[in-house]
Amino acid sequence: AGFESMNGAAFDTMWWTMMIDLHQGAITMAQQERAMGESAQVKAVAQAIIDGQTTEIATMKAMLAQ
Protein backbone atom coordinates (compact mmCIF):
# COMPACT_ATOMS: atom_id res chain seq x y z
CA ALA A 1 0.00 0.00 0.00
CA GLY A 2 1.38 3.37 -1.00
CA PHE A 3 4.32 1.76 -2.79
CA GLU A 4 3.22 3.23 -6.11
CA SER A 5 3.43 6.78 -4.75
CA MET A 6 7.00 6.37 -3.45
CA ASN A 7 10.09 7.49 -5.30
CA GLY A 8 13.71 8.28 -4.67
CA ALA A 9 15.35 7.09 -1.46
CA ALA A 10 12.05 5.99 0.11
CA PHE A 11 11.34 3.76 -2.88
CA ASP A 12 14.85 2.29 -2.82
CA THR A 13 14.65 1.57 0.92
CA MET A 14 11.27 -0.12 0.58
CA TRP A 15 12.47 -2.15 -2.40
CA TRP A 16 15.66 -3.35 -0.68
CA THR A 17 13.70 -4.23 2.47
CA MET A 18 11.15 -6.26 0.50
CA MET A 19 13.89 -8.04 -1.45
CA ILE A 20 15.75 -8.95 1.74
CA ASP A 21 12.55 -10.45 3.16
CA LEU A 22 11.97 -12.39 -0.06
CA HIS A 23 15.51 -13.76 -0.06
CA GLN A 24 15.23 -14.71 3.62
CA GLY A 25 12.10 -16.70 2.78
CA ALA A 26 14.03 -18.59 0.12
CA ILE A 27 16.77 -19.37 2.64
CA THR A 28 14.22 -20.66 5.14
CA MET A 29 12.67 -22.99 2.56
CA ALA A 30 16.08 -24.21 1.42
CA GLN A 31 17.11 -24.90 5.02
CA GLN A 32 13.96 -26.99 5.46
CA GLU A 33 14.86 -29.00 2.37
CA ARG A 34 18.40 -29.54 3.67
CA ALA A 35 17.02 -30.76 7.01
CA MET A 36 14.13 -32.89 5.77
CA GLY A 37 14.78 -33.79 2.13
CA GLU A 38 16.13 -37.08 0.84
CA SER A 39 17.56 -36.28 -2.58
CA ALA A 40 21.25 -35.40 -2.57
CA GLN A 41 20.77 -33.42 -5.78
CA VAL A 42 17.94 -31.35 -4.36
CA LYS A 43 19.89 -30.78 -1.15
CA ALA A 44 22.82 -29.53 -3.23
CA VAL A 45 20.55 -27.06 -5.03
CA ALA A 46 19.12 -25.98 -1.67
CA GLN A 47 22.64 -25.31 -0.38
CA ALA A 48 23.45 -23.29 -3.49
CA ILE A 49 20.30 -21.24 -2.87
CA ILE A 50 21.32 -20.65 0.75
CA ASP A 51 24.80 -19.57 -0.28
CA GLY A 52 23.65 -17.30 -3.09
CA GLN A 53 20.80 -15.68 -1.23
CA THR A 54 22.97 -15.09 1.85
CA THR A 55 25.53 -13.28 -0.30
CA GLU A 56 22.83 -11.23 -1.98
CA ILE A 57 21.28 -10.27 1.37
CA ALA A 58 24.68 -9.01 2.56
CA THR A 59 24.99 -6.90 -0.61
CA MET A 60 21.49 -5.50 -0.20
CA LYS A 61 22.10 -4.64 3.45
CA ALA A 62 25.27 -2.82 2.45
CA MET A 63 23.31 -0.87 -0.15
CA LEU A 64 20.71 0.04 2.50
CA ALA A 65 23.43 1.30 4.81
CA GLN A 66 24.72 3.77 2.21
PDB file of N, CA and C in Angstrom:
ATOM      1  N   ALA A   1       0.839  -1.190   0.000  1.00  0.00           N
ATOM      2  CA  ALA A   1       0.000   0.000   0.000  1.00  0.00           C
ATOM      3  C   ALA A   1       0.874   1.239   0.000  1.00  0.00           C
ATOM      4  N   GLY A   2       0.608   2.143  -0.921  1.00  0.00           N
ATOM      5  CA  GLY A   2       1.380   3.365  -0.995  1.00  0.00           C
ATOM      6  C   GLY A   2       2.688   3.233  -1.735  1.00  0.00           C
ATOM      7  N   PHE A   3       3.053   2.019  -2.108  1.00  0.00           N
ATOM      8  CA  PHE A   3       4.315   1.763  -2.787  1.00  0.00           C
ATOM      9  C   PHE A   3       4.382   2.510  -4.122  1.00  0.00           C
ATOM     10  N   GLU A   4       3.257   2.582  -4.805  1.00  0.00           N
ATOM     11  CA  GLU A   4       3.215   3.229  -6.112  1.00  0.00           C
ATOM     12  C   GLU A   4       3.510   4.726  -6.022  1.00  0.00           C
ATOM     13  N   SER A   5       3.218   5.335  -4.891  1.00  0.00           N
ATOM     14  CA  SER A   5       3.431   6.777  -4.751  1.00  0.00           C
ATOM     15  C   SER A   5       4.837   7.123  -4.263  1.00  0.00           C
ATOM     16  N   MET A   6       5.641   6.117  -3.935  1.00  0.00           N
ATOM     17  CA  MET A   6       6.998   6.370  -3.448  1.00  0.00           C
ATOM     18  C   MET A   6       7.944   6.599  -4.617  1.00  0.00           C
ATOM     19  N   ASN A   7       9.009   7.346  -4.340  1.00  0.00           N
ATOM     20  CA  ASN A   7      10.088   7.490  -5.305  1.00  0.00           C
ATOM     21  C   ASN A   7      11.355   7.851  -4.556  1.00  0.00           C
ATOM     22  N   GLY A   8      12.441   7.901  -5.268  1.00  0.00           N
ATOM     23  CA  GLY A   8      13.711   8.280  -4.667  1.00  0.00           C
ATOM     24  C   GLY A   8      14.176   7.326  -3.585  1.00  0.00           C
ATOM     25  N   ALA A   9      14.764   7.885  -2.540  1.00  0.00           N
ATOM     26  CA  ALA A   9      15.345   7.087  -1.463  1.00  0.00           C
ATOM     27  C   ALA A   9      14.303   6.241  -0.735  1.00  0.00           C
ATOM     28  N   ALA A  10      13.099   6.760  -0.565  1.00  0.00           N
ATOM     29  CA  ALA A  10      12.049   5.992   0.114  1.00  0.00           C
ATOM     30  C   ALA A  10      11.699   4.741  -0.691  1.00  0.00           C
ATOM     31  N   PHE A  11      11.616   4.893  -2.016  1.00  0.00           N
ATOM     32  CA  PHE A  11      11.337   3.755  -2.883  1.00  0.00           C
ATOM     33  C   PHE A  11      12.460   2.732  -2.782  1.00  0.00           C
ATOM     34  N   ASP A  12      13.701   3.200  -2.889  1.00  0.00           N
ATOM     35  CA  ASP A  12      14.851   2.294  -2.815  1.00  0.00           C
ATOM     36  C   ASP A  12      14.877   1.526  -1.497  1.00  0.00           C
ATOM     37  N   THR A  13      14.643   2.223  -0.389  1.00  0.00           N
ATOM     38  CA  THR A  13      14.650   1.569   0.920  1.00  0.00           C
ATOM     39  C   THR A  13      13.554   0.518   1.017  1.00  0.00           C
ATOM     40  N   MET A  14      12.359   0.848   0.562  1.00  0.00           N
ATOM     41  CA  MET A  14      11.270  -0.121   0.583  1.00  0.00           C
ATOM     42  C   MET A  14      11.592  -1.320  -0.298  1.00  0.00           C
ATOM     43  N   TRP A  15      12.152  -1.085  -1.467  1.00  0.00           N
ATOM     44  CA  TRP A  15      12.471  -2.154  -2.405  1.00  0.00           C
ATOM     45  C   TRP A  15      13.524  -3.092  -1.820  1.00  0.00           C
ATOM     46  N   TRP A  16      14.611  -2.517  -1.283  1.00  0.00           N
ATOM     47  CA  TRP A  16      15.657  -3.351  -0.682  1.00  0.00           C
ATOM     48  C   TRP A  16      15.098  -4.164   0.478  1.00  0.00           C
ATOM     49  N   THR A  17      14.280  -3.544   1.310  1.00  0.00           N
ATOM     50  CA  THR A  17      13.700  -4.228   2.467  1.00  0.00           C
ATOM     51  C   THR A  17      12.831  -5.399   2.025  1.00  0.00           C
ATOM     52  N   MET A  18      12.011  -5.184   1.010  1.00  0.00           N
ATOM     53  CA  MET A  18      11.155  -6.256   0.504  1.00  0.00           C
ATOM     54  C   MET A  18      11.984  -7.377  -0.115  1.00  0.00           C
ATOM     55  N   MET A  19      13.040  -7.027  -0.827  1.00  0.00           N
ATOM     56  CA  MET A  19      13.886  -8.041  -1.452  1.00  0.00           C
ATOM     57  C   MET A  19      14.634  -8.861  -0.397  1.00  0.00           C
ATOM     58  N   ILE A  20      15.081  -8.215   0.669  1.00  0.00           N
ATOM     59  CA  ILE A  20      15.752  -8.950   1.744  1.00  0.00           C
ATOM     60  C   ILE A  20      14.787  -9.957   2.364  1.00  0.00           C
ATOM     61  N   ASP A  21      13.553  -9.539   2.612  1.00  0.00           N
ATOM     62  CA  ASP A  21      12.550 -10.451   3.163  1.00  0.00           C
ATOM     63  C   ASP A  21      12.295 -11.625   2.222  1.00  0.00           C
ATOM     64  N   LEU A  22      12.194 -11.342   0.930  1.00  0.00           N
ATOM     65  CA  LEU A  22      11.970 -12.392  -0.060  1.00  0.00           C
ATOM     66  C   LEU A  22      13.127 -13.391  -0.070  1.00  0.00           C
ATOM     67  N   HIS A  23      14.332 -12.887  -0.061  1.00  0.00           N
ATOM     68  CA  HIS A  23      15.511 -13.761  -0.057  1.00  0.00           C
ATOM     69  C   HIS A  23      15.574 -14.580   1.233  1.00  0.00           C
ATOM     70  N   GLN A  24      15.224 -13.966   2.354  1.00  0.00           N
ATOM     71  CA  GLN A  24      15.234 -14.706   3.623  1.00  0.00           C
ATOM     72  C   GLN A  24      14.227 -15.851   3.573  1.00  0.00           C
ATOM     73  N   GLY A  25      13.088 -15.627   2.944  1.00  0.00           N
ATOM     74  CA  GLY A  25      12.100 -16.697   2.780  1.00  0.00           C
ATOM     75  C   GLY A  25      12.656 -17.855   1.972  1.00  0.00           C
ATOM     76  N   ALA A  26      13.407 -17.547   0.925  1.00  0.00           N
ATOM     77  CA  ALA A  26      14.028 -18.595   0.116  1.00  0.00           C
ATOM     78  C   ALA A  26      15.044 -19.391   0.944  1.00  0.00           C
ATOM     79  N   ILE A  27      15.801 -18.696   1.774  1.00  0.00           N
ATOM     80  CA  ILE A  27      16.772 -19.374   2.636  1.00  0.00           C
ATOM     81  C   ILE A  27      16.059 -20.303   3.608  1.00  0.00           C
ATOM     82  N   THR A  28      14.983 -19.835   4.198  1.00  0.00           N
ATOM     83  CA  THR A  28      14.218 -20.659   5.143  1.00  0.00           C
ATOM     84  C   THR A  28      13.722 -21.928   4.474  1.00  0.00           C
ATOM     85  N   MET A  29      13.158 -21.799   3.275  1.00  0.00           N
ATOM     86  CA  MET A  29      12.670 -22.986   2.557  1.00  0.00           C
ATOM     87  C   MET A  29      13.813 -23.932   2.207  1.00  0.00           C
ATOM     88  N   ALA A  30      14.936 -23.380   1.778  1.00  0.00           N
ATOM     89  CA  ALA A  30      16.081 -24.209   1.419  1.00  0.00           C
ATOM     90  C   ALA A  30      16.645 -24.928   2.653  1.00  0.00           C
ATOM     91  N   GLN A  31      16.648 -24.261   3.784  1.00  0.00           N
ATOM     92  CA  GLN A  31      17.107 -24.901   5.022  1.00  0.00           C
ATOM     93  C   GLN A  31      16.196 -26.061   5.399  1.00  0.00           C
ATOM     94  N   GLN A  32      14.902 -25.901   5.179  1.00  0.00           N
ATOM     95  CA  GLN A  32      13.961 -26.986   5.464  1.00  0.00           C
ATOM     96  C   GLN A  32      14.232 -28.172   4.551  1.00  0.00           C
ATOM     97  N   GLU A  33      14.521 -27.907   3.290  1.00  0.00           N
ATOM     98  CA  GLU A  33      14.859 -28.997   2.368  1.00  0.00           C
ATOM     99  C   GLU A  33      16.129 -29.700   2.821  1.00  0.00           C
ATOM    100  N   ARG A  34      17.140 -28.936   3.209  1.00  0.00           N
ATOM    101  CA  ARG A  34      18.398 -29.541   3.672  1.00  0.00           C
ATOM    102  C   ARG A  34      18.154 -30.434   4.882  1.00  0.00           C
ATOM    103  N   ALA A  35      17.270 -30.016   5.781  1.00  0.00           N
ATOM    104  CA  ALA A  35      17.017 -30.762   7.007  1.00  0.00           C
ATOM    105  C   ALA A  35      16.109 -31.972   6.785  1.00  0.00           C
ATOM    106  N   MET A  36      15.168 -31.869   5.862  1.00  0.00           N
ATOM    107  CA  MET A  36      14.132 -32.894   5.766  1.00  0.00           C
ATOM    108  C   MET A  36      14.108 -33.645   4.438  1.00  0.00           C
ATOM    109  N   GLY A  37      14.808 -33.164   3.450  1.00  0.00           N
ATOM    110  CA  GLY A  37      14.775 -33.793   2.134  1.00  0.00           C
ATOM    111  C   GLY A  37      15.607 -35.063   2.077  1.00  0.00           C
ATOM    112  N   GLU A  38      15.391 -35.823   1.015  1.00  0.00           N
ATOM    113  CA  GLU A  38      16.128 -37.080   0.836  1.00  0.00           C
ATOM    114  C   GLU A  38      17.090 -37.042  -0.342  1.00  0.00           C
ATOM    115  N   SER A  39      16.766 -36.288  -1.361  1.00  0.00           N
ATOM    116  CA  SER A  39      17.560 -36.278  -2.583  1.00  0.00           C
ATOM    117  C   SER A  39      18.840 -35.467  -2.401  1.00  0.00           C
ATOM    118  N   ALA A  40      19.969 -36.101  -2.662  1.00  0.00           N
ATOM    119  CA  ALA A  40      21.254 -35.403  -2.568  1.00  0.00           C
ATOM    120  C   ALA A  40      21.322 -34.268  -3.583  1.00  0.00           C
ATOM    121  N   GLN A  41      20.750 -34.464  -4.758  1.00  0.00           N
ATOM    122  CA  GLN A  41      20.771 -33.418  -5.781  1.00  0.00           C
ATOM    123  C   GLN A  41      19.953 -32.202  -5.347  1.00  0.00           C
ATOM    124  N   VAL A  42      18.782 -32.453  -4.796  1.00  0.00           N
ATOM    125  CA  VAL A  42      17.939 -31.352  -4.361  1.00  0.00           C
ATOM    126  C   VAL A  42      18.577 -30.640  -3.174  1.00  0.00           C
ATOM    127  N   LYS A  43      19.195 -31.400  -2.284  1.00  0.00           N
ATOM    128  CA  LYS A  43      19.887 -30.783  -1.151  1.00  0.00           C
ATOM    129  C   LYS A  43      21.045 -29.902  -1.624  1.00  0.00           C
ATOM    130  N   ALA A  44      21.719 -30.327  -2.683  1.00  0.00           N
ATOM    131  CA  ALA A  44      22.820 -29.529  -3.231  1.00  0.00           C
ATOM    132  C   ALA A  44      22.284 -28.214  -3.805  1.00  0.00           C
ATOM    133  N   VAL A  45      21.166 -28.286  -4.502  1.00  0.00           N
ATOM    134  CA  VAL A  45      20.552 -27.058  -5.027  1.00  0.00           C
ATOM    135  C   VAL A  45      20.122 -26.166  -3.872  1.00  0.00           C
ATOM    136  N   ALA A  46      19.545 -26.757  -2.839  1.00  0.00           N
ATOM    137  CA  ALA A  46      19.121 -25.985  -1.671  1.00  0.00           C
ATOM    138  C   ALA A  46      20.315 -25.271  -1.042  1.00  0.00           C
ATOM    139  N   GLN A  47      21.446 -25.943  -0.948  1.00  0.00           N
ATOM    140  CA  GLN A  47      22.636 -25.305  -0.380  1.00  0.00           C
ATOM    141  C   GLN A  47      23.113 -24.165  -1.265  1.00  0.00           C
ATOM    142  N   ALA A  48      23.055 -24.355  -2.572  1.00  0.00           N
ATOM    143  CA  ALA A  48      23.446 -23.288  -3.494  1.00  0.00           C
ATOM    144  C   ALA A  48      22.526 -22.074  -3.329  1.00  0.00           C
ATOM    145  N   ILE A  49      21.250 -22.328  -3.108  1.00  0.00           N
ATOM    146  CA  ILE A  49      20.297 -21.236  -2.871  1.00  0.00           C
ATOM    147  C   ILE A  49      20.658 -20.509  -1.583  1.00  0.00           C
ATOM    148  N   ILE A  50      20.932 -21.259  -0.529  1.00  0.00           N
ATOM    149  CA  ILE A  50      21.319 -20.653   0.749  1.00  0.00           C
ATOM    150  C   ILE A  50      22.555 -19.775   0.571  1.00  0.00           C
ATOM    151  N   ASP A  51      23.561 -20.310  -0.087  1.00  0.00           N
ATOM    152  CA  ASP A  51      24.804 -19.567  -0.278  1.00  0.00           C
ATOM    153  C   ASP A  51      24.578 -18.301  -1.103  1.00  0.00           C
ATOM    154  N   GLY A  52      23.878 -18.437  -2.217  1.00  0.00           N
ATOM    155  CA  GLY A  52      23.655 -17.297  -3.093  1.00  0.00           C
ATOM    156  C   GLY A  52      22.794 -16.222  -2.462  1.00  0.00           C
ATOM    157  N   GLN A  53      21.710 -16.643  -1.830  1.00  0.00           N
ATOM    158  CA  GLN A  53      20.796 -15.680  -1.226  1.00  0.00           C
ATOM    159  C   GLN A  53      21.437 -14.976  -0.034  1.00  0.00           C
ATOM    160  N   THR A  54      22.265 -15.688   0.721  1.00  0.00           N
ATOM    161  CA  THR A  54      22.972 -15.087   1.848  1.00  0.00           C
ATOM    162  C   THR A  54      23.919 -13.992   1.362  1.00  0.00           C
ATOM    163  N   THR A  55      24.633 -14.275   0.285  1.00  0.00           N
ATOM    164  CA  THR A  55      25.535 -13.283  -0.298  1.00  0.00           C
ATOM    165  C   THR A  55      24.756 -12.071  -0.800  1.00  0.00           C
ATOM    166  N   GLU A  56      23.636 -12.328  -1.467  1.00  0.00           N
ATOM    167  CA  GLU A  56      22.833 -11.227  -1.980  1.00  0.00           C
ATOM    168  C   GLU A  56      22.237 -10.377  -0.851  1.00  0.00           C
ATOM    169  N   ILE A  57      21.813 -11.019   0.227  1.00  0.00           N
ATOM    170  CA  ILE A  57      21.284 -10.270   1.374  1.00  0.00           C
ATOM    171  C   ILE A  57      22.371  -9.338   1.935  1.00  0.00           C
ATOM    172  N   ALA A  58      23.586  -9.851   2.056  1.00  0.00           N
ATOM    173  CA  ALA A  58      24.678  -9.014   2.560  1.00  0.00           C
ATOM    174  C   ALA A  58      24.902  -7.805   1.653  1.00  0.00           C
ATOM    175  N   THR A  59      24.833  -8.010   0.350  1.00  0.00           N
ATOM    176  CA  THR A  59      24.989  -6.904  -0.607  1.00  0.00           C
ATOM    177  C   THR A  59      23.866  -5.899  -0.454  1.00  0.00           C
ATOM    178  N   MET A  60      22.646  -6.395  -0.329  1.00  0.00           N
ATOM    179  CA  MET A  60      21.494  -5.497  -0.197  1.00  0.00           C
ATOM    180  C   MET A  60      21.547  -4.699   1.106  1.00  0.00           C
ATOM    181  N   LYS A  61      21.963  -5.347   2.192  1.00  0.00           N
ATOM    182  CA  LYS A  61      22.100  -4.640   3.453  1.00  0.00           C
ATOM    183  C   LYS A  61      23.152  -3.553   3.370  1.00  0.00           C
ATOM    184  N   ALA A  62      24.233  -3.829   2.648  1.00  0.00           N
ATOM    185  CA  ALA A  62      25.272  -2.819   2.455  1.00  0.00           C
ATOM    186  C   ALA A  62      24.724  -1.639   1.653  1.00  0.00           C
ATOM    187  N   MET A  63      23.907  -1.934   0.648  1.00  0.00           N
ATOM    188  CA  MET A  63      23.307  -0.867  -0.148  1.00  0.00           C
ATOM    189  C   MET A  63      22.356  -0.022   0.719  1.00  0.00           C
ATOM    190  N   LEU A  64      21.605  -0.683   1.600  1.00  0.00           N
ATOM    191  CA  LEU A  64      20.705   0.042   2.496  1.00  0.00           C
ATOM    192  C   LEU A  64      21.475   0.964   3.442  1.00  0.00           C
ATOM    193  N   ALA A  65      22.644   0.530   3.847  1.00  0.00           N
ATOM    194  CA  ALA A  65      23.426   1.302   4.812  1.00  0.00           C
ATOM    195  C   ALA A  65      24.057   2.559   4.189  1.00  0.00           C
ATOM    196  N   GLN A  66      24.100   2.605   2.874  1.00  0.00           N
ATOM    197  CA  GLN A  66      24.724   3.771   2.207  1.00  0.00           C
ATOM    198  C   GLN A  66      23.834   4.970   2.227  1.00  0.00           C
TER     199      GLN A  66
END
